[in-house]
Amino acid sequence: MTLMFFTIFVLFFLTLILMMISLMISKKTFNKREKLTPFECGFDFFSYSRMPFSIKFFLIAIIFIIFDIEIALMLPLIITMYKSNLFFWVSTSLIFITILLFGVILEWKEKSFDWKI
């Protein structure tokens, strides 16, 4: 037990020493404003960083993520088809697909699939 604490102490101390040496010998640079700002493709990085954008892009991304997760949840249905009772598998699959279709219909009725900006 003491060997473990000793090893942890030595590793912590060695890490601390290496960090201190790195800070002391590192090259000190004075970066310009361009180097300190994040680069976003297509945006002027000299402008205000909290630029408003259309909420449609956000909604389309959320819909994509939701349906991507639903497809990942459907993959185990194929694997379990051979290992479970046929009635149980069919009923579970139908319930899951019904919930997915209900979600698609709901998104369609809310016009979330309209890509007009």
PDB file of N, CA and C in Angstrom:
ATOM      1  N   MET A   1       0.817  -1.187   0.000  1.00  0.00           N
ATOM      2  CA  MET A   1       0.000   0.000   0.000  1.00  0.00           C
ATOM      3  C   MET A   1       0.865   1.257   0.000  1.00  0.00           C
ATOM      4  N   THR A   2       1.929   1.215   0.776  1.00  0.00           N
ATOM      5  CA  THR A   2       2.816   2.378   0.819  1.00  0.00           C
ATOM      6  C   THR A   2       3.558   2.551  -0.504  1.00  0.00           C
ATOM      7  N   LEU A   3       3.814   1.441  -1.187  1.00  0.00           N
ATOM      8  CA  LEU A   3       4.467   1.517  -2.489  1.00  0.00           C
ATOM      9  C   LEU A   3       3.566   2.243  -3.491  1.00  0.00           C
ATOM     10  N   MET A   4       2.271   1.999  -3.418  1.00  0.00           N
ATOM     11  CA  MET A   4       1.338   2.660  -4.321  1.00  0.00           C
ATOM     12  C   MET A   4       1.295   4.166  -4.053  1.00  0.00           C
ATOM     13  N   PHE A   5       1.244   4.564  -2.784  1.00  0.00           N
ATOM     14  CA  PHE A   5       1.241   5.984  -2.450  1.00  0.00           C
ATOM     15  C   PHE A   5       2.560   6.648  -2.847  1.00  0.00           C
ATOM     16  N   PHE A   6       3.645   5.944  -2.643  1.00  0.00           N
ATOM     17  CA  PHE A   6       4.943   6.467  -3.037  1.00  0.00           C
ATOM     18  C   PHE A   6       5.012   6.672  -4.551  1.00  0.00           C
ATOM     19  N   THR A   7       4.506   5.710  -5.318  1.00  0.00           N
ATOM     20  CA  THR A   7       4.496   5.813  -6.781  1.00  0.00           C
ATOM     21  C   THR A   7       3.641   6.990  -7.232  1.00  0.00           C
ATOM     22  N   ILE A   8       2.468   7.146  -6.635  1.00  0.00           N
ATOM     23  CA  ILE A   8       1.594   8.272  -6.981  1.00  0.00           C
ATOM     24  C   ILE A   8       2.278   9.598  -6.651  1.00  0.00           C
ATOM     25  N   PHE A   9       2.913   9.671  -5.503  1.00  0.00           N
ATOM     26  CA  PHE A   9       3.623  10.895  -5.115  1.00  0.00           C
ATOM     27  C   PHE A   9       4.753  11.211  -6.083  1.00  0.00           C
ATOM     28  N   VAL A  10       5.535  10.218  -6.458  1.00  0.00           N
ATOM     29  CA  VAL A  10       6.649  10.428  -7.382  1.00  0.00           C
ATOM     30  C   VAL A  10       6.125  10.878  -8.743  1.00  0.00           C
ATOM     31  N   LEU A  11       5.061  10.253  -9.239  1.00  0.00           N
ATOM     32  CA  LEU A  11       4.500  10.635 -10.526  1.00  0.00           C
ATOM     33  C   LEU A  11       3.937  12.055 -10.489  1.00  0.00           C
ATOM     34  N   PHE A  12       3.265  12.410  -9.413  1.00  0.00           N
ATOM     35  CA  PHE A  12       2.736  13.761  -9.268  1.00  0.00           C
ATOM     36  C   PHE A  12       3.875  14.778  -9.213  1.00  0.00           C
ATOM     37  N   PHE A  13       4.896  14.476  -8.445  1.00  0.00           N
ATOM     38  CA  PHE A  13       6.039  15.371  -8.315  1.00  0.00           C
ATOM     39  C   PHE A  13       6.786  15.517  -9.638  1.00  0.00           C
ATOM     40  N   LEU A  14       6.952  14.420 -10.356  1.00  0.00           N
ATOM     41  CA  LEU A  14       7.624  14.452 -11.650  1.00  0.00           C
ATOM     42  C   LEU A  14       6.810  15.268 -12.656  1.00  0.00           C
ATOM     43  N   THR A  15       5.517  15.105 -12.652  1.00  0.00           N
ATOM     44  CA  THR A  15       4.655  15.889 -13.536  1.00  0.00           C
ATOM     45  C   THR A  15       4.752  17.367 -13.222  1.00  0.00           C
ATOM     46  N   LEU A  16       4.744  17.703 -11.951  1.00  0.00           N
ATOM     47  CA  LEU A  16       4.858  19.093 -11.528  1.00  0.00           C
ATOM     48  C   LEU A  16       6.191  19.693 -11.963  1.00  0.00           C
ATOM     49  N   ILE A  17       7.261  18.962 -11.813  1.00  0.00           N
ATOM     50  CA  ILE A  17       8.581  19.447 -12.220  1.00  0.00           C
ATOM     51  C   ILE A  17       8.634  19.668 -13.731  1.00  0.00           C
ATOM     52  N   LEU A  18       8.109  18.725 -14.504  1.00  0.00           N
ATOM     53  CA  LEU A  18       8.120  18.873 -15.953  1.00  0.00           C
ATOM     54  C   LEU A  18       7.280  20.060 -16.408  1.00  0.00           C
ATOM     55  N   MET A  19       6.165  20.300 -15.755  1.00  0.00           N
ATOM     56  CA  MET A  19       5.344  21.461 -16.099  1.00  0.00           C
ATOM     57  C   MET A  19       6.067  22.762 -15.787  1.00  0.00           C
ATOM     58  N   MET A  20       6.745  22.816 -14.665  1.00  0.00           N
ATOM     59  CA  MET A  20       7.490  24.019 -14.290  1.00  0.00           C
ATOM     60  C   MET A  20       8.644  24.277 -15.266  1.00  0.00           C
ATOM     61  N   ILE A  21       9.365  23.234 -15.658  1.00  0.00           N
ATOM     62  CA  ILE A  21      10.463  23.382 -16.619  1.00  0.00           C
ATOM     63  C   ILE A  21       9.905  23.867 -17.961  1.00  0.00           C
ATOM     64  N   SER A  22       8.794  23.320 -18.364  1.00  0.00           N
ATOM     65  CA  SER A  22       8.174  23.728 -19.622  1.00  0.00           C
ATOM     66  C   SER A  22       7.774  25.193 -19.599  1.00  0.00           C
ATOM     67  N   LEU A  23       7.218  25.655 -18.480  1.00  0.00           N
ATOM     68  CA  LEU A  23       6.839  27.061 -18.377  1.00  0.00           C
ATOM     69  C   LEU A  23       8.047  27.987 -18.366  1.00  0.00           C
ATOM     70  N   MET A  24       9.139  27.544 -17.766  1.00  0.00           N
ATOM     71  CA  MET A  24      10.321  28.402 -17.681  1.00  0.00           C
ATOM     72  C   MET A  24      11.042  28.532 -19.014  1.00  0.00           C
ATOM     73  N   ILE A  25      11.115  27.475 -19.798  1.00  0.00           N
ATOM     74  CA  ILE A  25      11.890  27.546 -21.038  1.00  0.00           C
ATOM     75  C   ILE A  25      11.019  27.776 -22.271  1.00  0.00           C
ATOM     76  N   SER A  26       9.730  27.938 -22.073  1.00  0.00           N
ATOM     77  CA  SER A  26       8.852  28.124 -23.237  1.00  0.00           C
ATOM     78  C   SER A  26       9.093  29.490 -23.869  1.00  0.00           C
ATOM     79  N   LYS A  27       8.830  29.553 -25.140  1.00  0.00           N
ATOM     80  CA  LYS A  27       9.032  30.787 -25.882  1.00  0.00           C
ATOM     81  C   LYS A  27       7.868  31.726 -25.577  1.00  0.00           C
ATOM     82  N   LYS A  28       8.185  32.876 -25.087  1.00  0.00           N
ATOM     83  CA  LYS A  28       7.168  33.872 -24.791  1.00  0.00           C
ATOM     84  C   LYS A  28       6.872  34.643 -26.076  1.00  0.00           C
ATOM     85  N   THR A  29       5.635  34.632 -26.488  1.00  0.00           N
ATOM     86  CA  THR A  29       5.262  35.350 -27.705  1.00  0.00           C
ATOM     87  C   THR A  29       4.126  36.305 -27.396  1.00  0.00           C
ATOM     88  N   PHE A  30       4.129  37.364 -28.115  1.00  0.00           N
ATOM     89  CA  PHE A  30       3.031  38.313 -28.030  1.00  0.00           C
ATOM     90  C   PHE A  30       2.175  38.116 -29.275  1.00  0.00           C
ATOM     91  N   ASN A  31       1.068  37.446 -29.086  1.00  0.00           N
ATOM     92  CA  ASN A  31       0.209  37.155 -30.222  1.00  0.00           C
ATOM     93  C   ASN A  31      -0.610  38.378 -30.603  1.00  0.00           C
ATOM     94  N   LYS A  32      -0.855  38.473 -31.857  1.00  0.00           N
ATOM     95  CA  LYS A  32      -1.703  39.539 -32.335  1.00  0.00           C
ATOM     96  C   LYS A  32      -3.161  39.161 -32.129  1.00  0.00           C
ATOM     97  N   ARG A  33      -4.029  40.106 -32.398  1.00  0.00           N
ATOM     98  CA  ARG A  33      -5.452  39.891 -32.176  1.00  0.00           C
ATOM     99  C   ARG A  33      -6.001  38.743 -33.024  1.00  0.00           C
ATOM    100  N   GLU A  34      -5.483  38.576 -34.240  1.00  0.00           N
ATOM    101  CA  GLU A  34      -5.970  37.513 -35.121  1.00  0.00           C
ATOM    102  C   GLU A  34      -5.656  36.131 -34.558  1.00  0.00           C
ATOM    103  N   LYS A  35      -4.526  36.012 -33.893  1.00  0.00           N
ATOM    104  CA  LYS A  35      -4.134  34.720 -33.347  1.00  0.00           C
ATOM    105  C   LYS A  35      -4.966  34.334 -32.121  1.00  0.00           C
ATOM    106  N   LEU A  36      -5.480  35.314 -31.417  1.00  0.00           N
ATOM    107  CA  LEU A  36      -6.230  35.040 -30.199  1.00  0.00           C
ATOM    108  C   LEU A  36      -7.715  34.816 -30.433  1.00  0.00           C
ATOM    109  N   THR A  37      -8.213  35.122 -31.633  1.00  0.00           N
ATOM    110  CA  THR A  37      -9.638  34.957 -31.906  1.00  0.00           C
ATOM    111  C   THR A  37      -9.890  33.600 -32.542  1.00  0.00           C
ATOM    112  N   PRO A  38     -11.030  32.993 -32.240  1.00  0.00           N
ATOM    113  CA  PRO A  38     -11.351  31.707 -32.872  1.00  0.00           C
ATOM    114  C   PRO A  38     -11.699  31.917 -34.344  1.00  0.00           C
ATOM    115  N   PHE A  39     -11.340  30.965 -35.162  1.00  0.00           N
ATOM    116  CA  PHE A  39     -11.621  31.074 -36.587  1.00  0.00           C
ATOM    117  C   PHE A  39     -12.844  30.249 -36.927  1.00  0.00           C
ATOM    118  N   GLU A  40     -13.839  30.884 -37.483  1.00  0.00           N
ATOM    119  CA  GLU A  40     -15.023  30.200 -37.964  1.00  0.00           C
ATOM    120  C   GLU A  40     -15.084  30.423 -39.468  1.00  0.00           C
ATOM    121  N   CYS A  41     -15.189  29.366 -40.207  1.00  0.00           N
ATOM    122  CA  CYS A  41     -15.175  29.447 -41.650  1.00  0.00           C
ATOM    123  C   CYS A  41     -16.369  30.259 -42.156  1.00  0.00           C
ATOM    124  N   GLY A  42     -16.113  31.276 -42.923  1.00  0.00           N
ATOM    125  CA  GLY A  42     -17.165  32.074 -43.506  1.00  0.00           C
ATOM    126  C   GLY A  42     -17.577  33.277 -42.685  1.00  0.00           C
ATOM    127  N   PHE A  43     -17.067  33.424 -41.481  1.00  0.00           N
ATOM    128  CA  PHE A  43     -17.426  34.557 -40.641  1.00  0.00           C
ATOM    129  C   PHE A  43     -16.228  35.495 -40.514  1.00  0.00           C
ATOM    130  N   ASP A  44     -16.503  36.768 -40.469  1.00  0.00           N
ATOM    131  CA  ASP A  44     -15.461  37.755 -40.251  1.00  0.00           C
ATOM    132  C   ASP A  44     -15.077  37.738 -38.780  1.00  0.00           C
ATOM    133  N   PHE A  45     -13.856  37.379 -38.465  1.00  0.00           N
ATOM    134  CA  PHE A  45     -13.466  37.235 -37.064  1.00  0.00           C
ATOM    135  C   PHE A  45     -13.156  38.551 -36.388  1.00  0.00           C
ATOM    136  N   PHE A  46     -13.299  39.669 -37.085  1.00  0.00           N
ATOM    137  CA  PHE A  46     -13.146  40.972 -36.448  1.00  0.00           C
ATOM    138  C   PHE A  46     -14.479  41.534 -35.989  1.00  0.00           C
ATOM    139  N   SER A  47     -15.555  40.832 -36.302  1.00  0.00           N
ATOM    140  CA  SER A  47     -16.874  41.329 -35.921  1.00  0.00           C
ATOM    141  C   SER A  47     -17.274  40.771 -34.559  1.00  0.00           C
ATOM    142  N   TYR A  48     -18.453  41.129 -34.120  1.00  0.00           N
ATOM    143  CA  TYR A  48     -18.984  40.697 -32.826  1.00  0.00           C
ATOM    144  C   TYR A  48     -19.154  39.185 -32.817  1.00  0.00           C
ATOM    145  N   SER A  49     -18.717  38.522 -31.763  1.00  0.00           N
ATOM    146  CA  SER A  49     -18.713  37.058 -31.744  1.00  0.00           C
ATOM    147  C   SER A  49     -20.092  36.446 -31.516  1.00  0.00           C
ATOM    148  N   ARG A  50     -21.026  37.184 -30.978  1.00  0.00           N
ATOM    149  CA  ARG A  50     -22.371  36.663 -30.735  1.00  0.00           C
ATOM    150  C   ARG A  50     -23.324  37.074 -31.854  1.00  0.00           C
ATOM    151  N   MET A  51     -22.944  36.754 -33.084  1.00  0.00           N
ATOM    152  CA  MET A  51     -23.739  37.121 -34.234  1.00  0.00           C
ATOM    153  C   MET A  51     -24.987  36.219 -34.313  1.00  0.00           C
ATOM    154  N   PRO A  52     -26.171  36.799 -34.487  1.00  0.00           N
ATOM    155  CA  PRO A  52     -27.376  35.976 -34.555  1.00  0.00           C
ATOM    156  C   PRO A  52     -27.420  35.171 -35.856  1.00  0.00           C
ATOM    157  N   PHE A  53     -28.019  34.004 -35.792  1.00  0.00           N
ATOM    158  CA  PHE A  53     -28.190  33.180 -36.975  1.00  0.00           C
ATOM    159  C   PHE A  53     -29.595  32.595 -36.959  1.00  0.00           C
ATOM    160  N   SER A  54     -29.992  32.042 -38.067  1.00  0.00           N
ATOM    161  CA  SER A  54     -31.344  31.518 -38.207  1.00  0.00           C
ATOM    162  C   SER A  54     -31.523  30.278 -37.344  1.00  0.00           C
ATOM    163  N   ILE A  55     -32.650  30.201 -36.670  1.00  0.00           N
ATOM    164  CA  ILE A  55     -32.945  29.063 -35.803  1.00  0.00           C
ATOM    165  C   ILE A  55     -33.246  27.806 -36.619  1.00  0.00           C
ATOM    166  N   LYS A  56     -33.527  27.958 -37.898  1.00  0.00           N
ATOM    167  CA  LYS A  56     -33.807  26.800 -38.763  1.00  0.00           C
ATOM    168  C   LYS A  56     -32.605  25.865 -38.838  1.00  0.00           C
ATOM    169  N   PHE A  57     -31.406  26.436 -38.887  1.00  0.00           N
ATOM    170  CA  PHE A  57     -30.213  25.592 -38.937  1.00  0.00           C
ATOM    171  C   PHE A  57     -30.096  24.744 -37.678  1.00  0.00           C
ATOM    172  N   PHE A  58     -30.411  25.345 -36.548  1.00  0.00           N
ATOM    173  CA  PHE A  58     -30.374  24.616 -35.281  1.00  0.00           C
ATOM    174  C   PHE A  58     -31.420  23.503 -35.274  1.00  0.00           C
ATOM    175  N   LEU A  59     -32.635  23.784 -35.736  1.00  0.00           N
ATOM    176  CA  LEU A  59     -33.697  22.771 -35.756  1.00  0.00           C
ATOM    177  C   LEU A  59     -33.356  21.616 -36.690  1.00  0.00           C
ATOM    178  N   ILE A  60     -32.778  21.922 -37.834  1.00  0.00           N
ATOM    179  CA  ILE A  60     -32.400  20.857 -38.764  1.00  0.00           C
ATOM    180  C   ILE A  60     -31.320  19.973 -38.148  1.00  0.00           C
ATOM    181  N   ALA A  61     -30.380  20.565 -37.442  1.00  0.00           N
ATOM    182  CA  ALA A  61     -29.327  19.777 -36.784  1.00  0.00           C
ATOM    183  C   ALA A  61     -29.911  18.890 -35.692  1.00  0.00           C
ATOM    184  N   ILE A  62     -30.852  19.417 -34.915  1.00  0.00           N
ATOM    185  CA  ILE A  62     -31.476  18.615 -33.857  1.00  0.00           C
ATOM    186  C   ILE A  62     -32.273  17.462 -34.453  1.00  0.00           C
ATOM    187  N   ILE A  63     -33.022  17.723 -35.518  1.00  0.00           N
ATOM    188  CA  ILE A  63     -33.792  16.652 -36.172  1.00  0.00           C
ATOM    189  C   ILE A  63     -32.862  15.580 -36.705  1.00  0.00           C
ATOM    190  N   PHE A  64     -31.742  15.989 -37.301  1.00  0.00           N
ATOM    191  CA  PHE A  64     -30.779  15.009 -37.798  1.00  0.00           C
ATOM    192  C   PHE A  64     -30.243  14.142 -36.671  1.00  0.00           C
ATOM    193  N   ILE A  65     -29.896  14.750 -35.548  1.00  0.00           N
ATOM    194  CA  ILE A  65     -29.359  13.992 -34.421  1.00  0.00           C
ATOM    195  C   ILE A  65     -30.400  13.026 -33.874  1.00  0.00           C
ATOM    196  N   ILE A  66     -31.638  13.476 -33.766  1.00  0.00           N
ATOM    197  CA  ILE A  66     -32.701  12.606 -33.240  1.00  0.00           C
ATOM    198  C   ILE A  66     -32.900  11.398 -34.141  1.00  0.00           C
ATOM    199  N   PHE A  67     -33.013  11.608 -35.448  1.00  0.00           N
ATOM    200  CA  PHE A  67     -33.242  10.476 -36.341  1.00  0.00           C
ATOM    201  C   PHE A  67     -32.004   9.602 -36.488  1.00  0.00           C
ATOM    202  N   ASP A  68     -30.839  10.168 -36.301  1.00  0.00           N
ATOM    203  CA  ASP A  68     -29.619   9.365 -36.322  1.00  0.00           C
ATOM    204  C   ASP A  68     -29.585   8.424 -35.114  1.00  0.00           C
ATOM    205  N   ILE A  69     -29.987   8.911 -33.967  1.00  0.00           N
ATOM    206  CA  ILE A  69     -30.047   8.073 -32.767  1.00  0.00           C
ATOM    207  C   ILE A  69     -31.122   7.011 -32.915  1.00  0.00           C
ATOM    208  N   GLU A  70     -32.237   7.356 -33.546  1.00  0.00           N
ATOM    209  CA  GLU A  70     -33.302   6.370 -33.741  1.00  0.00           C
ATOM    210  C   GLU A  70     -32.842   5.237 -34.651  1.00  0.00           C
ATOM    211  N   ILE A  71     -32.072   5.555 -35.656  1.00  0.00           N
ATOM    212  CA  ILE A  71     -31.546   4.495 -36.531  1.00  0.00           C
ATOM    213  C   ILE A  71     -30.587   3.607 -35.751  1.00  0.00           C
ATOM    214  N   ALA A  72     -29.768   4.212 -34.890  1.00  0.00           N
ATOM    215  CA  ALA A  72     -28.862   3.406 -34.068  1.00  0.00           C
ATOM    216  C   ALA A  72     -29.632   2.520 -33.096  1.00  0.00           C
ATOM    217  N   LEU A  73     -30.798   2.968 -32.653  1.00  0.00           N
ATOM    218  CA  LEU A  73     -31.617   2.143 -31.766  1.00  0.00           C
ATOM    219  C   LEU A  73     -32.358   1.044 -32.515  1.00  0.00           C
ATOM    220  N   MET A  74     -32.529   1.200 -33.820  1.00  0.00           N
ATOM    221  CA  MET A  74     -33.205   0.166 -34.601  1.00  0.00           C
ATOM    222  C   MET A  74     -32.288  -1.006 -34.949  1.00  0.00           C
ATOM    223  N   LEU A  75     -30.983  -0.800 -34.936  1.00  0.00           N
ATOM    224  CA  LEU A  75     -30.060  -1.870 -35.319  1.00  0.00           C
ATOM    225  C   LEU A  75     -30.153  -3.111 -34.432  1.00  0.00           C
ATOM    226  N   PRO A  76     -30.310  -2.973 -33.112  1.00  0.00           N
ATOM    227  CA  PRO A  76     -30.443  -4.195 -32.313  1.00  0.00           C
ATOM    228  C   PRO A  76     -31.707  -4.998 -32.596  1.00  0.00           C
ATOM    229  N   LEU A  77     -32.712  -4.381 -33.213  1.00  0.00           N
ATOM    230  CA  LEU A  77     -33.917  -5.132 -33.565  1.00  0.00           C
ATOM    231  C   LEU A  77     -33.593  -6.252 -34.544  1.00  0.00           C
ATOM    232  N   ILE A  78     -32.673  -5.997 -35.458  1.00  0.00           N
ATOM    233  CA  ILE A  78     -32.299  -7.017 -36.433  1.00  0.00           C
ATOM    234  C   ILE A  78     -31.568  -8.163 -35.755  1.00  0.00           C
ATOM    235  N   ILE A  79     -30.703  -7.847 -34.817  1.00  0.00           N
ATOM    236  CA  ILE A  79     -29.930  -8.888 -34.133  1.00  0.00           C
ATOM    237  C   ILE A  79     -30.830  -9.744 -33.249  1.00  0.00           C
ATOM    238  N   THR A  80     -31.781  -9.115 -32.571  1.00  0.00           N
ATOM    239  CA  THR A  80     -32.643  -9.861 -31.642  1.00  0.00           C
ATOM    240  C   THR A  80     -33.752 -10.624 -32.340  1.00  0.00           C
ATOM    241  N   MET A  81     -33.902 -10.462 -33.636  1.00  0.00           N
ATOM    242  CA  MET A  81     -34.975 -11.162 -34.347  1.00  0.00           C
ATOM    243  C   MET A  81     -34.814 -12.678 -34.236  1.00  0.00           C
ATOM    244  N   TYR A  82     -33.602 -13.171 -34.291  1.00  0.00           N
ATOM    245  CA  TYR A  82     -33.366 -14.611 -34.275  1.00  0.00           C
ATOM    246  C   TYR A  82     -33.292 -15.189 -32.862  1.00  0.00           C
ATOM    247  N   LYS A  83     -33.123 -14.345 -31.867  1.00  0.00           N
ATOM    248  CA  LYS A  83     -32.906 -14.852 -30.522  1.00  0.00           C
ATOM    249  C   LYS A  83     -34.114 -14.719 -29.604  1.00  0.00           C
ATOM    250  N   SER A  84     -35.175 -14.095 -30.057  1.00  0.00           N
ATOM    251  CA  SER A  84     -36.323 -13.900 -29.173  1.00  0.00           C
ATOM    252  C   SER A  84     -37.577 -14.521 -29.779  1.00  0.00           C
ATOM    253  N   ASN A  85     -38.638 -14.488 -28.982  1.00  0.00           N
ATOM    254  CA  ASN A  85     -39.932 -14.985 -29.419  1.00  0.00           C
ATOM    255  C   ASN A  85     -40.442 -14.110 -30.564  1.00  0.00           C
ATOM    256  N   LEU A  86     -41.029 -14.714 -31.592  1.00  0.00           N
ATOM    257  CA  LEU A  86     -41.453 -13.968 -32.767  1.00  0.00           C
ATOM    258  C   LEU A  86     -42.546 -12.954 -32.428  1.00  0.00           C
ATOM    259  N   PHE A  87     -43.509 -13.348 -31.602  1.00  0.00           N
ATOM    260  CA  PHE A  87     -44.581 -12.422 -31.227  1.00  0.00           C
ATOM    261  C   PHE A  87     -44.032 -11.230 -30.451  1.00  0.00           C
ATOM    262  N   PHE A  88     -43.145 -11.484 -29.508  1.00  0.00           N
ATOM    263  CA  PHE A  88     -42.546 -10.411 -28.723  1.00  0.00           C
ATOM    264  C   PHE A  88     -41.728  -9.486 -29.610  1.00  0.00           C
ATOM    265  N   TRP A  89     -40.970 -10.055 -30.543  1.00  0.00           N
ATOM    266  CA  TRP A  89     -40.153  -9.240 -31.429  1.00  0.00           C
ATOM    267  C   TRP A  89     -41.011  -8.366 -32.336  1.00  0.00           C
ATOM    268  N   VAL A  90     -42.062  -8.945 -32.917  1.00  0.00           N
ATOM    269  CA  VAL A  90     -42.933  -8.184 -33.823  1.00  0.00           C
ATOM    270  C   VAL A  90     -43.658  -7.070 -33.060  1.00  0.00           C
ATOM    271  N   SER A  91     -44.155  -7.379 -31.873  1.00  0.00           N
ATOM    272  CA  SER A  91     -44.871  -6.353 -31.120  1.00  0.00           C
ATOM    273  C   SER A  91     -43.927  -5.222 -30.685  1.00  0.00           C
ATOM    274  N   THR A  92     -42.741  -5.556 -30.238  1.00  0.00           N
ATOM    275  CA  THR A  92     -41.774  -4.535 -29.852  1.00  0.00           C
ATOM    276  C   THR A  92     -41.366  -3.684 -31.048  1.00  0.00           C
ATOM    277  N   SER A  93     -41.103  -4.320 -32.175  1.00  0.00           N
ATOM    278  CA  SER A  93     -40.713  -3.586 -33.381  1.00  0.00           C
ATOM    279  C   SER A  93     -41.830  -2.667 -33.850  1.00  0.00           C
ATOM    280  N   LEU A  94     -43.070  -3.149 -33.824  1.00  0.00           N
ATOM    281  CA  LEU A  94     -44.186  -2.319 -34.261  1.00  0.00           C
ATOM    282  C   LEU A  94     -44.399  -1.122 -33.343  1.00  0.00           C
ATOM    283  N   ILE A  95     -44.241  -1.320 -32.055  1.00  0.00           N
ATOM    284  CA  ILE A  95     -44.382  -0.199 -31.119  1.00  0.00           C
ATOM    285  C   ILE A  95     -43.283   0.833 -31.374  1.00  0.00           C
ATOM    286  N   PHE A  96     -42.064   0.378 -31.544  1.00  0.00           N
ATOM    287  CA  PHE A  96     -40.939   1.292 -31.771  1.00  0.00           C
ATOM    288  C   PHE A  96     -41.101   2.060 -33.081  1.00  0.00           C
ATOM    289  N   ILE A  97     -41.471   1.342 -34.155  1.00  0.00           N
ATOM    290  CA  ILE A  97     -41.644   2.002 -35.458  1.00  0.00           C
ATOM    291  C   ILE A  97     -42.845   2.931 -35.437  1.00  0.00           C
ATOM    292  N   THR A  98     -43.887   2.600 -34.691  1.00  0.00           N
ATOM    293  CA  THR A  98     -45.040   3.491 -34.558  1.00  0.00           C
ATOM    294  C   THR A  98     -44.639   4.790 -33.864  1.00  0.00           C
ATOM    295  N   ILE A  99     -43.829   4.697 -32.826  1.00  0.00           N
ATOM    296  CA  ILE A  99     -43.352   5.900 -32.147  1.00  0.00           C
ATOM    297  C   ILE A  99     -42.509   6.751 -33.097  1.00  0.00           C
ATOM    298  N   LEU A 100     -41.648   6.100 -33.911  1.00  0.00           N
ATOM    299  CA  LEU A 100     -40.842   6.844 -34.876  1.00  0.00           C
ATOM    300  C   LEU A 100     -41.714   7.533 -35.915  1.00  0.00           C
ATOM    301  N   LEU A 101     -42.706   6.828 -36.430  1.00  0.00           N
ATOM    302  CA  LEU A 101     -43.602   7.430 -37.423  1.00  0.00           C
ATOM    303  C   LEU A 101     -44.413   8.568 -36.820  1.00  0.00           C
ATOM    304  N   PHE A 102     -44.816   8.422 -35.572  1.00  0.00           N
ATOM    305  CA  PHE A 102     -45.539   9.498 -34.903  1.00  0.00           C
ATOM    306  C   PHE A 102     -44.651  10.739 -34.794  1.00  0.00           C
ATOM    307  N   GLY A 103     -43.376  10.540 -34.499  1.00  0.00           N
ATOM    308  CA  GLY A 103     -42.444  11.664 -34.421  1.00  0.00           C
ATOM    309  C   GLY A 103     -42.242  12.333 -35.768  1.00  0.00           C
ATOM    310  N   VAL A 104     -42.144  11.534 -36.845  1.00  0.00           N
ATOM    311  CA  VAL A 104     -41.986  12.107 -38.180  1.00  0.00           C
ATOM    312  C   VAL A 104     -43.231  12.900 -38.565  1.00  0.00           C
ATOM    313  N   ILE A 105     -44.415  12.347 -38.282  1.00  0.00           N
ATOM    314  CA  ILE A 105     -45.660  13.054 -38.600  1.00  0.00           C
ATOM    315  C   ILE A 105     -45.761  14.348 -37.806  1.00  0.00           C
ATOM    316  N   LEU A 106     -45.387  14.311 -36.552  1.00  0.00           N
ATOM    317  CA  LEU A 106     -45.416  15.510 -35.728  1.00  0.00           C
ATOM    318  C   LEU A 106     -44.468  16.580 -36.266  1.00  0.00           C
ATOM    319  N   GLU A 107     -43.270  16.184 -36.665  1.00  0.00           N
ATOM    320  CA  GLU A 107     -42.323  17.140 -37.244  1.00  0.00           C
ATOM    321  C   GLU A 107     -42.843  17.685 -38.569  1.00  0.00           C
ATOM    322  N   TRP A 108     -43.496  16.846 -39.336  1.00  0.00           N
ATOM    323  CA  TRP A 108     -44.039  17.279 -40.617  1.00  0.00           C
ATOM    324  C   TRP A 108     -45.163  18.290 -40.409  1.00  0.00           C
ATOM    325  N   LYS A 109     -46.040  18.028 -39.439  1.00  0.00           N
ATOM    326  CA  LYS A 109     -47.158  18.939 -39.156  1.00  0.00           C
ATOM    327  C   LYS A 109     -46.665  20.286 -38.628  1.00  0.00           C
ATOM    328  N   GLU A 110     -45.574  20.278 -37.866  1.00  0.00           N
ATOM    329  CA  GLU A 110     -45.004  21.534 -37.367  1.00  0.00           C
ATOM    330  C   GLU A 110     -44.177  22.250 -38.427  1.00  0.00           C
ATOM    331  N   LYS A 111     -44.043  21.651 -39.597  1.00  0.00           N
ATOM    332  CA  LYS A 111     -43.285  22.199 -40.725  1.00  0.00           C
ATOM    333  C   LYS A 111     -41.814  22.407 -40.363  1.00  0.00           C
ATOM    334  N   SER A 112     -41.273  21.473 -39.619  1.00  0.00           N
ATOM    335  CA  SER A 112     -39.848  21.542 -39.275  1.00  0.00           C
ATOM    336  C   SER A 112     -38.966  21.077 -40.424  1.00  0.00           C
ATOM    337  N   PHE A 113     -39.549  20.379 -41.398  1.00  0.00           N
ATOM    338  CA  PHE A 113     -38.776  19.898 -42.523  1.00  0.00           C
ATOM    339  C   PHE A 113     -38.680  20.919 -43.654  1.00  0.00           C
ATOM    340  N   ASP A 114     -39.360  22.066 -43.531  1.00  0.00           N
ATOM    341  CA  ASP A 114     -39.251  23.112 -44.546  1.00  0.00           C
ATOM    342  C   ASP A 114     -37.895  23.785 -44.420  1.00  0.00           C
ATOM    343  N   TRP A 115     -37.109  23.725 -45.480  1.00  0.00           N
ATOM    344  CA  TRP A 115     -35.754  24.235 -45.440  1.00  0.00           C
ATOM    345  C   TRP A 115     -35.651  25.665 -45.963  1.00  0.00           C
ATOM    346  N   LYS A 116     -36.776  26.313 -46.082  1.00  0.00           N
ATOM    347  CA  LYS A 116     -36.756  27.703 -46.564  1.00  0.00           C
ATOM    348  C   LYS A 116     -36.192  28.593 -45.473  1.00  0.00           C
ATOM    349  N   ILE A 117     -35.330  29.492 -45.860  1.00  0.00           N
ATOM    350  CA  ILE A 117     -34.708  30.381 -44.877  1.00  0.00           C
ATOM    351  C   ILE A 117     -35.422  31.698 -44.853  1.00  0.00           C
TER     352      ILE A 117
END
